[in-house]
Structures are given as C-alpha cells and as structure tokens.
C-alpha cells in the first residue's frame, strides 16, 4: 500500500502499459476496418457497444457510473472527502468514418488505467476522481463537434442539441434513446476541481523533436470563413485573357495569400483552404464562381486578427483587379486558450519526475478540454503519433509512449487532487 505522496515522489511509472494497450486493442475491435482503423460514429449501435464496454470496465474498477441527458458518461472513484469537486480526465470514443484506434480513445483508456493503478496500489485520494466519456466529440454524424462537453460547459443548450439531425434526419435525442444512453443526470452544474486530457498529438512535432511528452500550453484560436468569389462564365476560346472575369484566378491569389500570411506569422500560425469548388466545372468554360473555405489559427488573438486582415486586403484587391465580387461569411470563432498554469506545471513536473523527454507545445486542434477549461483548471498531455497522422485508419502510436503519457496523467491527477484539498482547507 502506498500513499499519493509516495507515488508522486517515486520515479516509477506504476501504470500497467500492457493492460492499457490491451484495453485499447479490445475497444478498437468495435467498428474495426479492413485497413486497421475504426469506424464508430457517435450514437450508433457500435458506439453503444463501446460505451457498454467502458461501463463494464469502470464498474469492475469500483466506480459509480452515471449518464447525463446528452449521453456523457461519468465514472467516479470516491475520495476521502466526497464534498470536494472531482479531479476529472477523459476524452471520447466516437471516431471519424475512417478513424484510428487512438484519437480520443487513448484519453479515456488512460483515465481508466489511472483508476486501475490506484486500485492496485491501494491509494486513496482526498478528492474524488472521475473519468468521462464525452458524447460526439468528432461531429462526423451530428454537428457540431465537441457536442457533449459543449452542453456540459453550457456552450450549447440541451434542447437545441437533442434536436440536431444526421443526414438521415435522425435526431440526437432519438439516437440517444435508441442506444439507451439518454441519462437522467443533470447536464450542467457539476463542479470541476481540475481536468486533464491525455491525447495523441495528431501532428508531427513530438516525433520530429524526439520527445515523449508534450506539455500543452494552450490551444490555437480558430476563425473559419466561407468565401464566395463571383465573376462571369464565358467560353474559354473566344474570350481574350484581358477581358475575362475569372473567379478561379482570383481564388488562386487568395490561396497563396492564406499560405503566405501563415508563414509570416510564425510561430503557431496555420492557414488553410480546405475546400475549393469552381463552377460550372467544365473544361472549356471560364469559372464564373468559386466557393472556398478559409481556416485561420493562432495562439495570439492580435496576430490571428492580423492574418485575417491581410487576407481580406488580398480578397479586395484581387476582386478589383479581375472584376469580381465576393461574400465572406464567418462560420466558426474559437478564441485562443491558455491552459491553467497549475495544470501545465503538474504535467511538466510529472514528466520531469519520471525522467521523460518533454517539450512545451500548443494544440492546433479542438478538444473537449477547451470547453472544460471554462469550468475549472484544465490541462492536456500529448504523446507522439507515427508520422503525425490522425483521423486516418493507419493512425498509430507506440505502446511505450502511451504508457508514458498515462504515467504522467496519473501523477498530474494526484497532484491536482492534493491541490483541491489544500484549496478547500485554505478557503
């Protein structure tokens, strides 16, 4: 038997990496694809099977399991003081249509392994610990993404969320009832002592820098737009070059500008044109309209706005030069986020205490932790994924890196549980 302080002072990893890996591989069989990935869309029967498996494992680990009205699952390991707000961890187990075994699933299984390890060590924490499975993080079947954590954080209302439909017209509420996960627990008002999320990086930086742990400082702000450029369709042969109103030529200038300003605003800047459609789409017709998406990301709000302003200037100039008109419609706006200093330090200290190579990093993608950070102190732990590839059936991560990330999560949660207790005593 060890105390929480014994674990924090030890240089041992403690977690059972083999058990963690076996849990991930068993979960990956639900929706397994021929290419080695997973297709397990939110609120399908495969999602139900995965949820049932998690609940079975959590209950076997001595947890009390509750489900809220949007389907979020909470597995609680009691602490000595049940009045303290829980230290939480979690992620999601729904996948992309051509998803991998680790995106989201690692965070949930790492949380479960933390609880199993504490049981093995017979460690009792002062504050309760919770592992959460958030509903529909991916947003593949139902929009928007991060749906469950968004309702939990009161970013979306329950009523509007339950009314969202998939491509076949099935509502979220209907799908939850169909799989038996429309729970009775309230969706809001739940205290958060601290929240940690372990995740594969979904990018190539840790692998490139030969680091095992990414200490996540925050998440890039994101601003998305739909841009429509309108010119005039005309015959490709009889229309002289200088008299054309070619919307695709204007679009090419915008694509180049998005790439250029992102390179000029390093570090942490990303600019992407992810979708581009030219109309009418005939080889001998000058494109009269282009519809495209713009995706801007940065950690600093001022620099994010600067990127957008520069591209808007290019849009105006190219439209004037080529006789085009345009509409630019905002479609998403997530402000930059810095995770809580105490949580960031807990992750960094855990990596150092375990002798793991680590580096500061920022998240370029959205995660449930971003919403949880508005309810209490939050942080994230990244581990490398092969080639930086994610949202792909060939997504892969090394067992030893996953075990290392889980060991960091264990120590970070123990540290936070002690801090929650100290805060209560000082209040």
Protein backbone atom coordinates (compact mmCIF):
# COMPACT_ATOMS: atom_id res chain seq x y z
CA UNK A 1 0.00 0.00 0.00
CA UNK A 2 1.28 3.46 -0.94
CA UNK A 3 0.11 6.99 -0.33
CA UNK A 4 -0.46 9.57 -3.03
CA UNK A 5 2.70 11.34 -1.89
CA UNK A 6 4.69 8.11 -2.23
CA UNK A 7 3.60 7.83 -5.85
CA UNK A 8 4.43 11.47 -6.58
CA UNK A 9 7.91 11.14 -5.12
CA UNK A 10 8.69 7.87 -6.89
CA UNK A 11 10.48 7.67 -10.23
CA UNK A 12 8.49 4.53 -11.18
CA UNK A 13 5.86 4.67 -13.91
CA UNK A 14 3.48 2.45 -11.90
CA UNK A 15 0.90 2.07 -14.68
CA UNK A 16 0.48 -1.25 -16.45
CA UNK A 17 1.31 -0.38 -20.05
CA UNK A 18 0.35 -3.84 -21.25
CA UNK A 19 -3.09 -3.57 -19.67
CA UNK A 20 -3.58 -0.14 -21.21
CA UNK A 21 -2.60 -1.46 -24.65
CA UNK A 22 -4.91 -4.50 -24.36
CA UNK A 23 -7.83 -2.25 -23.43
CA UNK A 24 -7.18 -0.03 -26.44
CA UNK A 25 -6.96 -3.01 -28.78
CA UNK A 26 -10.16 -4.58 -27.41
CA UNK A 27 -12.02 -1.30 -27.79
CA UNK A 28 -10.67 -0.98 -31.34
CA UNK A 29 -12.41 -4.22 -32.35
CA UNK A 30 -15.75 -2.43 -32.13
CA UNK A 31 -16.01 -0.91 -35.59
CA UNK A 32 -12.68 -2.29 -36.81
CA UNK A 33 -11.97 -1.63 -40.50
CA UNK A 34 -10.08 -3.74 -43.02
CA UNK A 35 -7.24 -1.21 -43.10
CA UNK A 36 -6.67 -1.44 -39.34
CA UNK A 37 -8.65 1.61 -38.29
CA UNK A 38 -12.03 2.16 -36.66
CA UNK A 39 -15.39 3.43 -37.89
CA UNK A 40 -17.54 4.00 -34.81
CA UNK A 41 -19.75 7.01 -35.35
CA UNK A 42 -21.45 8.73 -32.44
CA UNK A 43 -24.67 7.23 -31.09
CA UNK A 44 -24.67 4.22 -33.41
CA UNK A 45 -25.01 0.66 -32.15
CA UNK A 46 -21.21 0.29 -32.31
CA UNK A 47 -20.93 3.36 -30.09
CA UNK A 48 -23.39 1.69 -27.70
CA UNK A 49 -21.23 -1.42 -27.59
CA UNK A 50 -18.13 0.67 -26.85
CA UNK A 51 -19.97 2.58 -24.13
CA UNK A 52 -21.19 -0.66 -22.59
CA UNK A 53 -17.63 -1.99 -22.54
CA UNK A 54 -16.35 1.13 -20.81
CA UNK A 55 -19.14 0.98 -18.22
CA UNK A 56 -18.36 -2.67 -17.51
CA UNK A 57 -14.67 -1.89 -17.03
CA UNK A 58 -15.38 1.17 -14.87
CA UNK A 59 -17.74 -0.71 -12.60
CA UNK A 60 -15.21 -3.54 -12.28
CA UNK A 61 -12.74 -0.88 -11.11
CA UNK A 62 -15.13 0.08 -8.31
CA UNK A 63 -16.53 3.21 -9.92
CA UNK A 64 -20.02 4.62 -9.66
CA UNK A 65 -21.26 5.29 -13.20
CA UNK A 66 -23.80 7.96 -14.13
CA UNK A 67 -25.01 9.25 -17.51
CA UNK A 68 -26.36 12.71 -18.25
CA UNK A 69 -29.10 13.78 -20.63
CA UNK A 70 -26.74 14.28 -23.58
CA UNK A 71 -25.13 10.88 -23.05
CA UNK A 72 -21.89 11.88 -21.33
CA UNK A 73 -20.71 9.01 -19.08
CA UNK A 74 -19.08 9.75 -15.71
CA UNK A 75 -17.16 7.03 -13.83
CA UNK A 76 -16.33 8.20 -10.30
CA UNK A 77 -13.75 6.75 -7.95
CA UNK A 78 -14.60 8.05 -4.48
CA UNK A 79 -12.21 10.15 -2.42
CA UNK A 80 -11.92 10.53 1.32
CA UNK A 81 -13.84 13.80 1.13
CA UNK A 82 -16.89 13.42 -1.14
CA UNK A 83 -17.72 17.13 -0.81
CA UNK A 84 -14.61 18.12 -2.78
CA UNK A 85 -15.00 18.78 -6.51
CA UNK A 86 -13.63 15.85 -8.53
CA UNK A 87 -10.40 15.83 -10.48
CA UNK A 88 -11.54 14.73 -13.92
CA UNK A 89 -10.00 13.22 -17.02
CA UNK A 90 -11.46 11.86 -20.21
CA UNK A 91 -11.99 12.23 -23.93
CA UNK A 92 -14.21 10.48 -26.47
CA UNK A 93 -14.68 7.05 -28.05
CA UNK A 94 -16.58 8.05 -31.18
CA UNK A 95 -14.44 8.14 -34.32
CA UNK A 96 -14.21 9.56 -37.79
CA UNK A 97 -15.66 7.38 -40.60
CA UNK A 98 -12.07 6.40 -41.42
CA UNK A 99 -10.66 6.92 -37.94
CA UNK A 100 -7.88 5.33 -35.93
CA UNK A 101 -7.53 3.39 -32.70
CA UNK A 102 -6.10 6.17 -30.54
CA UNK A 103 -7.74 9.55 -31.21
CA UNK A 104 -9.88 10.16 -28.12
CA UNK A 105 -9.82 6.52 -27.08
CA UNK A 106 -6.35 6.87 -25.56
CA UNK A 107 -7.58 9.63 -23.24
CA UNK A 108 -10.47 7.51 -21.98
CA UNK A 109 -8.45 4.31 -21.58
CA UNK A 110 -5.57 6.22 -19.93
CA UNK A 111 -8.05 7.60 -17.39
CA UNK A 112 -9.36 4.11 -16.73
CA UNK A 113 -5.81 2.82 -16.31
CA UNK A 114 -5.11 5.58 -13.76
CA UNK A 115 -8.03 4.33 -11.65
CA UNK A 116 -6.98 0.70 -12.04
CA UNK A 117 -3.42 1.59 -11.00
CA UNK A 118 -4.59 3.46 -7.91
CA UNK A 119 -6.65 0.40 -7.00
CA UNK A 120 -3.59 -1.82 -7.44
CA UNK A 121 -1.55 0.49 -5.21
CA UNK A 122 -4.46 0.88 -2.76
CA UNK A 123 -4.04 4.65 -2.91
CA UNK A 124 -6.93 6.73 -1.61
CA UNK A 125 -7.17 10.31 -2.82
CA UNK A 126 -8.65 13.15 -0.81
CA UNK A 127 -10.77 14.40 -3.73
CA UNK A 128 -12.84 12.06 -5.92
CA UNK A 129 -11.55 11.20 -9.38
CA UNK A 130 -13.71 10.91 -12.49
CA UNK A 131 -13.19 9.52 -15.97
CA UNK A 132 -15.58 10.96 -18.56
CA UNK A 133 -16.63 9.74 -22.00
CA UNK A 134 -17.83 12.84 -23.84
CA UNK A 135 -20.57 12.42 -26.44
CA UNK A 136 -19.91 13.15 -30.12
CA UNK A 137 -16.56 14.92 -30.00
CA UNK A 138 -15.87 14.27 -33.67
CA UNK A 139 -19.02 15.81 -35.12
CA UNK A 140 -18.95 13.33 -38.01
CA UNK A 141 -22.54 12.16 -37.74
CA UNK A 142 -24.05 15.11 -35.89
CA UNK A 143 -22.80 18.71 -35.97
CA UNK A 144 -21.31 20.47 -34.11
CA UNK A 145 -18.24 18.71 -32.82
CA UNK A 146 -17.44 18.56 -29.07
CA UNK A 147 -21.18 18.30 -28.50
CA UNK A 148 -21.24 16.59 -25.12
CA UNK A 149 -18.62 18.77 -23.47
CA UNK A 150 -20.21 21.80 -25.10
CA UNK A 151 -23.54 21.10 -23.41
CA UNK A 152 -21.75 20.34 -20.13
CA UNK A 153 -19.99 23.73 -20.33
CA UNK A 154 -23.24 25.48 -21.38
CA UNK A 155 -21.89 26.41 -24.79
CA UNK A 156 -24.87 24.67 -26.39
CA UNK A 157 -28.32 24.18 -24.92
CA UNK A 158 -29.57 20.69 -24.29
CA UNK A 159 -32.81 21.31 -26.18
CA UNK A 160 -31.07 22.56 -29.34
CA UNK A 161 -28.52 19.77 -29.18
CA UNK A 162 -31.08 16.97 -28.83
CA UNK A 163 -32.87 18.37 -31.90
CA UNK A 164 -29.78 18.21 -34.17
CA UNK A 165 -30.19 15.73 -37.03
CA UNK A 166 -27.89 13.48 -39.03
CA UNK A 167 -28.00 13.02 -42.82
CA UNK A 168 -30.96 10.65 -42.48
CA UNK A 169 -32.99 13.03 -40.34
CA UNK A 170 -32.47 11.13 -37.07
CA UNK A 171 -32.17 13.49 -34.10
CA UNK A 172 -29.58 13.27 -31.35
CA UNK A 173 -32.39 12.68 -28.87
CA UNK A 174 -33.78 9.80 -30.91
CA UNK A 175 -30.31 8.25 -31.31
CA UNK A 176 -29.59 8.52 -27.57
CA UNK A 177 -32.85 6.77 -26.75
CA UNK A 178 -32.19 4.09 -29.36
CA UNK A 179 -28.87 3.10 -27.80
CA UNK A 180 -30.07 3.51 -24.21
CA UNK A 181 -27.81 6.40 -23.22
CA UNK A 182 -30.28 9.22 -22.62
CA UNK A 183 -29.35 9.53 -18.95
CA UNK A 184 -31.09 11.18 -16.03
CA UNK A 185 -28.13 13.08 -14.57
CA UNK A 186 -28.25 16.87 -14.95
CA UNK A 187 -26.05 18.15 -17.77
CA UNK A 188 -24.83 21.32 -16.02
CA UNK A 189 -23.86 22.50 -12.57
CA UNK A 190 -21.28 19.80 -12.00
CA UNK A 191 -18.19 21.13 -10.14
CA UNK A 192 -14.74 20.61 -11.68
CA UNK A 193 -11.75 20.58 -9.35
CA UNK A 194 -9.38 20.12 -12.30
CA UNK A 195 -9.49 18.44 -15.71
CA UNK A 196 -6.71 16.70 -17.65
CA UNK A 197 -6.94 15.16 -21.10
CA UNK A 198 -4.32 12.79 -22.49
CA UNK A 199 -4.25 12.64 -26.28
CA UNK A 200 -2.10 11.69 -29.22
CA UNK A 201 -0.60 14.84 -30.68
CA UNK A 202 -2.27 14.43 -34.11
CA UNK A 203 0.72 16.25 -35.56
CA UNK A 204 4.42 15.54 -36.25
CA UNK A 205 6.21 17.85 -33.81
CA UNK A 206 6.94 15.48 -30.90
CA UNK A 207 8.14 12.74 -33.24
CA UNK A 208 10.29 15.21 -35.16
CA UNK A 209 11.84 16.56 -31.95
CA UNK A 210 12.26 13.07 -30.42
CA UNK A 211 10.18 13.96 -27.34
CA UNK A 212 7.86 11.62 -25.48
CA UNK A 213 5.61 14.12 -23.71
CA UNK A 214 4.05 17.32 -24.99
CA UNK A 215 3.28 19.78 -22.19
CA UNK A 216 0.31 21.55 -23.76
CA UNK A 217 0.35 25.28 -23.05
CA UNK A 218 -2.94 26.04 -24.75
CA UNK A 219 -4.96 25.73 -27.92
CA UNK A 220 -4.83 27.84 -31.04
CA UNK A 221 -7.65 30.26 -31.66
CA UNK A 222 -9.61 29.39 -34.76
CA UNK A 223 -11.60 31.53 -37.15
CA UNK A 224 -13.28 29.97 -40.17
CA UNK A 225 -14.93 31.62 -43.15
CA UNK A 226 -16.84 30.68 -46.30
CA UNK A 227 -15.69 32.79 -49.25
CA UNK A 228 -17.66 33.06 -52.50
CA UNK A 229 -15.98 34.79 -55.44
CA UNK A 230 -18.21 35.67 -58.40
CA UNK A 231 -17.11 36.56 -61.90
CA UNK A 232 -18.62 35.68 -65.29
CA UNK A 233 -18.70 32.31 -67.03
CA UNK A 234 -17.51 32.61 -70.60
CA UNK A 235 -16.20 30.47 -73.46
CA UNK A 236 -12.55 29.54 -72.94
CA UNK A 237 -11.67 30.08 -76.60
CA UNK A 238 -13.22 33.33 -77.85
CA UNK A 239 -12.75 35.33 -74.61
CA UNK A 240 -9.41 37.25 -74.53
CA UNK A 241 -7.38 36.94 -71.34
CA UNK A 242 -7.53 40.64 -70.51
CA UNK A 243 -11.34 40.72 -70.74
CA UNK A 244 -12.02 37.73 -68.50
CA UNK A 245 -13.64 37.81 -65.07
CA UNK A 246 -12.18 34.51 -63.92
CA UNK A 247 -13.20 33.66 -60.37
CA UNK A 248 -10.62 30.87 -60.14
CA UNK A 249 -7.76 33.24 -60.92
CA UNK A 250 -8.95 35.40 -58.04
CA UNK A 251 -9.20 32.33 -55.82
CA UNK A 252 -5.63 31.36 -56.61
CA UNK A 253 -4.43 34.71 -55.26
CA UNK A 254 -6.38 34.12 -52.05
CA UNK A 255 -4.96 30.60 -51.61
CA UNK A 256 -1.44 31.98 -51.99
CA UNK A 257 -2.17 34.77 -49.51
CA UNK A 258 -3.53 32.38 -46.86
CA UNK A 259 -0.35 30.32 -47.10
CA UNK A 260 1.93 33.36 -47.13
CA UNK A 261 0.46 35.13 -44.09
CA UNK A 262 0.55 31.91 -42.05
CA UNK A 263 4.26 31.55 -42.81
CA UNK A 264 4.82 35.20 -41.91
CA UNK A 265 3.09 34.90 -38.51
CA UNK A 266 5.11 32.06 -37.03
CA UNK A 267 5.26 30.53 -34.51
CA UNK A 268 1.90 28.87 -34.02
CA UNK A 269 0.19 30.23 -37.16
CA UNK A 270 -1.78 27.99 -39.52
CA UNK A 271 -3.75 28.98 -42.60
CA UNK A 272 -5.68 26.53 -44.75
CA UNK A 273 -8.01 26.49 -47.74
CA UNK A 274 -9.58 23.10 -47.15
CA UNK A 275 -12.38 23.18 -49.72
CA UNK A 276 -12.48 24.82 -53.15
CA UNK A 277 -15.15 24.32 -55.81
CA UNK A 278 -15.16 26.03 -59.19
CA UNK A 279 -18.38 26.45 -61.17
CA UNK A 280 -19.64 25.40 -63.63
CA UNK A 281 -16.78 22.88 -63.68
CA UNK A 282 -16.42 22.48 -67.44
CA UNK A 283 -13.00 22.32 -69.08
CA UNK A 284 -13.82 24.90 -71.76
CA UNK A 285 -15.74 27.37 -69.60
CA UNK A 286 -14.04 30.14 -67.60
CA UNK A 287 -15.09 29.64 -63.96
CA UNK A 288 -17.70 32.21 -63.04
CA UNK A 289 -17.88 31.30 -59.35
CA UNK A 290 -15.61 29.78 -56.73
CA UNK A 291 -16.71 28.65 -53.29
CA UNK A 292 -13.94 28.09 -50.80
CA UNK A 293 -13.27 27.78 -47.08
CA UNK A 294 -10.67 29.70 -45.09
CA UNK A 295 -9.27 28.39 -41.81
CA UNK A 296 -7.01 30.65 -39.69
CA UNK A 297 -5.37 29.63 -36.41
CA UNK A 298 -3.01 31.30 -33.95
CA UNK A 299 -2.28 31.32 -30.22
CA UNK A 300 -2.22 35.14 -30.00
CA UNK A 301 -5.53 36.96 -30.72
CA UNK A 302 -3.86 40.04 -32.21
CA UNK A 303 -1.81 38.00 -34.67
CA UNK A 304 -4.84 35.92 -35.61
CA UNK A 305 -6.72 39.12 -36.45
CA UNK A 306 -3.69 40.41 -38.37
CA UNK A 307 -3.63 37.30 -40.56
CA UNK A 308 -7.30 37.68 -41.40
CA UNK A 309 -6.97 41.41 -42.13
CA UNK A 310 -4.13 40.81 -44.57
CA UNK A 311 -6.06 38.14 -46.45
CA UNK A 312 -9.14 40.37 -46.59
CA UNK A 313 -6.98 43.03 -48.25
CA UNK A 314 -5.89 40.50 -50.87
CA UNK A 315 -9.50 39.48 -51.49
CA UNK A 316 -10.48 43.11 -52.05
CA UNK A 317 -7.51 43.78 -54.33
CA UNK A 318 -7.90 40.66 -56.47
CA UNK A 319 -11.63 41.28 -56.91
CA UNK A 320 -10.93 44.81 -58.08
CA UNK A 321 -8.19 43.62 -60.42
CA UNK A 322 -10.24 40.83 -62.01
CA UNK A 323 -13.71 42.37 -61.96
CA UNK A 324 -15.09 40.04 -59.31
CA UNK A 325 -17.48 40.42 -56.38
CA UNK A 326 -17.40 38.42 -53.16
CA UNK A 327 -19.10 37.49 -49.92
CA UNK A 328 -17.13 36.45 -46.85
CA UNK A 329 -19.18 34.69 -44.16
CA UNK A 330 -17.79 33.78 -40.69
CA UNK A 331 -18.62 30.17 -39.77
CA UNK A 332 -16.63 29.49 -36.58
CA UNK A 333 -14.83 31.52 -33.93
CA UNK A 334 -12.91 29.83 -31.10
CA UNK A 335 -10.72 32.26 -29.14
CA UNK A 336 -7.15 31.24 -28.25
CA UNK A 337 -6.90 29.45 -24.93
CA UNK A 338 -4.10 29.13 -22.38
CA UNK A 339 -4.48 26.21 -20.02
CA UNK A 340 -4.27 26.80 -16.26
CA UNK A 341 -0.72 27.38 -15.08
CA UNK A 342 -1.07 24.92 -12.20
CA UNK A 343 -2.22 22.14 -14.52
CA UNK A 344 0.52 22.87 -17.03
CA UNK A 345 3.09 22.73 -14.23
CA UNK A 346 1.61 19.48 -12.93
CA UNK A 347 2.14 17.87 -16.33
CA UNK A 348 5.65 19.30 -16.69
CA UNK A 349 6.64 18.22 -13.18
CA UNK A 350 5.27 14.74 -13.78
CA UNK A 351 7.32 14.33 -16.95
CA UNK A 352 10.42 15.59 -15.20
CA UNK A 353 9.86 13.34 -12.18
CA UNK A 354 9.58 10.31 -14.42
CA UNK A 355 12.67 11.25 -16.42
CA UNK A 356 10.71 11.57 -19.66
CA UNK A 357 11.82 13.79 -22.51
CA UNK A 358 9.30 16.57 -22.94
CA UNK A 359 8.67 19.93 -24.55
CA UNK A 360 6.12 22.73 -24.46
CA UNK A 361 3.62 22.52 -27.29
CA UNK A 362 0.29 24.02 -28.35
CA UNK A 363 -2.77 22.23 -29.66
CA UNK A 364 -3.76 23.10 -33.18
CA UNK A 365 -6.96 21.04 -32.96
CA UNK A 366 -10.09 21.35 -30.89
CA UNK A 367 -10.51 19.11 -27.84
CA UNK A 368 -13.08 18.70 -25.06
CA UNK A 369 -10.50 20.18 -22.67
CA UNK A 370 -11.04 23.56 -24.32
CA UNK A 371 -14.62 23.72 -23.04
CA UNK A 372 -13.73 22.21 -19.66
CA UNK A 373 -11.14 24.96 -19.15
CA UNK A 374 -14.01 27.40 -18.67
CA UNK A 375 -15.32 25.40 -15.70
CA UNK A 376 -12.10 24.85 -13.76
CA UNK A 377 -8.33 24.44 -14.07
CA UNK A 378 -7.51 22.31 -17.12
CA UNK A 379 -4.51 20.92 -18.97
CA UNK A 380 -3.54 18.41 -21.64
CA UNK A 381 -0.86 15.80 -22.20
CA UNK A 382 0.31 14.91 -25.71
CA UNK A 383 2.19 11.81 -26.82
CA UNK A 384 3.63 11.23 -30.31
CA UNK A 385 1.74 9.54 -33.11
CA UNK A 386 3.51 7.94 -36.03
CA UNK A 387 4.16 10.39 -38.84
CA UNK A 388 1.86 12.88 -37.15
CA UNK A 389 -1.04 11.08 -38.87
CA UNK A 390 -4.51 11.12 -37.31
CA UNK A 391 -8.13 10.98 -38.50
CA UNK A 392 -6.83 8.12 -40.62
CA UNK A 393 -7.10 4.33 -40.43
CA UNK A 394 -3.32 4.00 -40.30
CA UNK A 395 -3.09 6.22 -37.18
CA UNK A 396 -0.54 4.64 -34.85
CA UNK A 397 1.22 5.23 -31.53
CA UNK A 398 3.91 3.30 -29.69
CA UNK A 399 2.79 1.34 -26.61
CA UNK A 400 5.66 2.73 -24.54
CA UNK A 401 4.70 6.33 -25.41
CA UNK A 402 1.08 5.71 -24.48
CA UNK A 403 2.16 4.18 -21.16
CA UNK A 404 4.41 7.18 -20.51
CA UNK A 405 1.56 9.60 -21.18
CA UNK A 406 -0.68 7.62 -18.84
CA UNK A 407 2.01 7.70 -16.12
CA UNK A 408 2.18 11.49 -16.46
CA UNK A 409 -1.62 11.65 -16.25
CA UNK A 410 -1.59 9.61 -13.04
CA UNK A 411 0.87 11.93 -11.33
CA UNK A 412 -0.84 15.09 -12.63
CA UNK A 413 -4.21 13.93 -11.30
CA UNK A 414 -2.75 13.02 -7.91
CA UNK A 415 -1.08 16.41 -7.68
CA UNK A 416 -4.32 18.15 -8.59
CA UNK A 417 -6.29 16.11 -6.06
CA UNK A 418 -3.92 17.29 -3.33
CA UNK A 419 -4.24 20.89 -4.56
CA UNK A 420 -8.05 20.72 -4.49
CA UNK A 421 -7.90 19.56 -0.87
CA UNK A 422 -5.44 22.33 0.08
CA UNK A 423 -7.64 24.93 -1.59
CA UNK A 424 -10.62 23.79 0.46
CA UNK A 425 -8.62 23.95 3.69
CA UNK A 426 -7.38 27.46 2.85
CA UNK A 427 -10.85 28.73 1.96
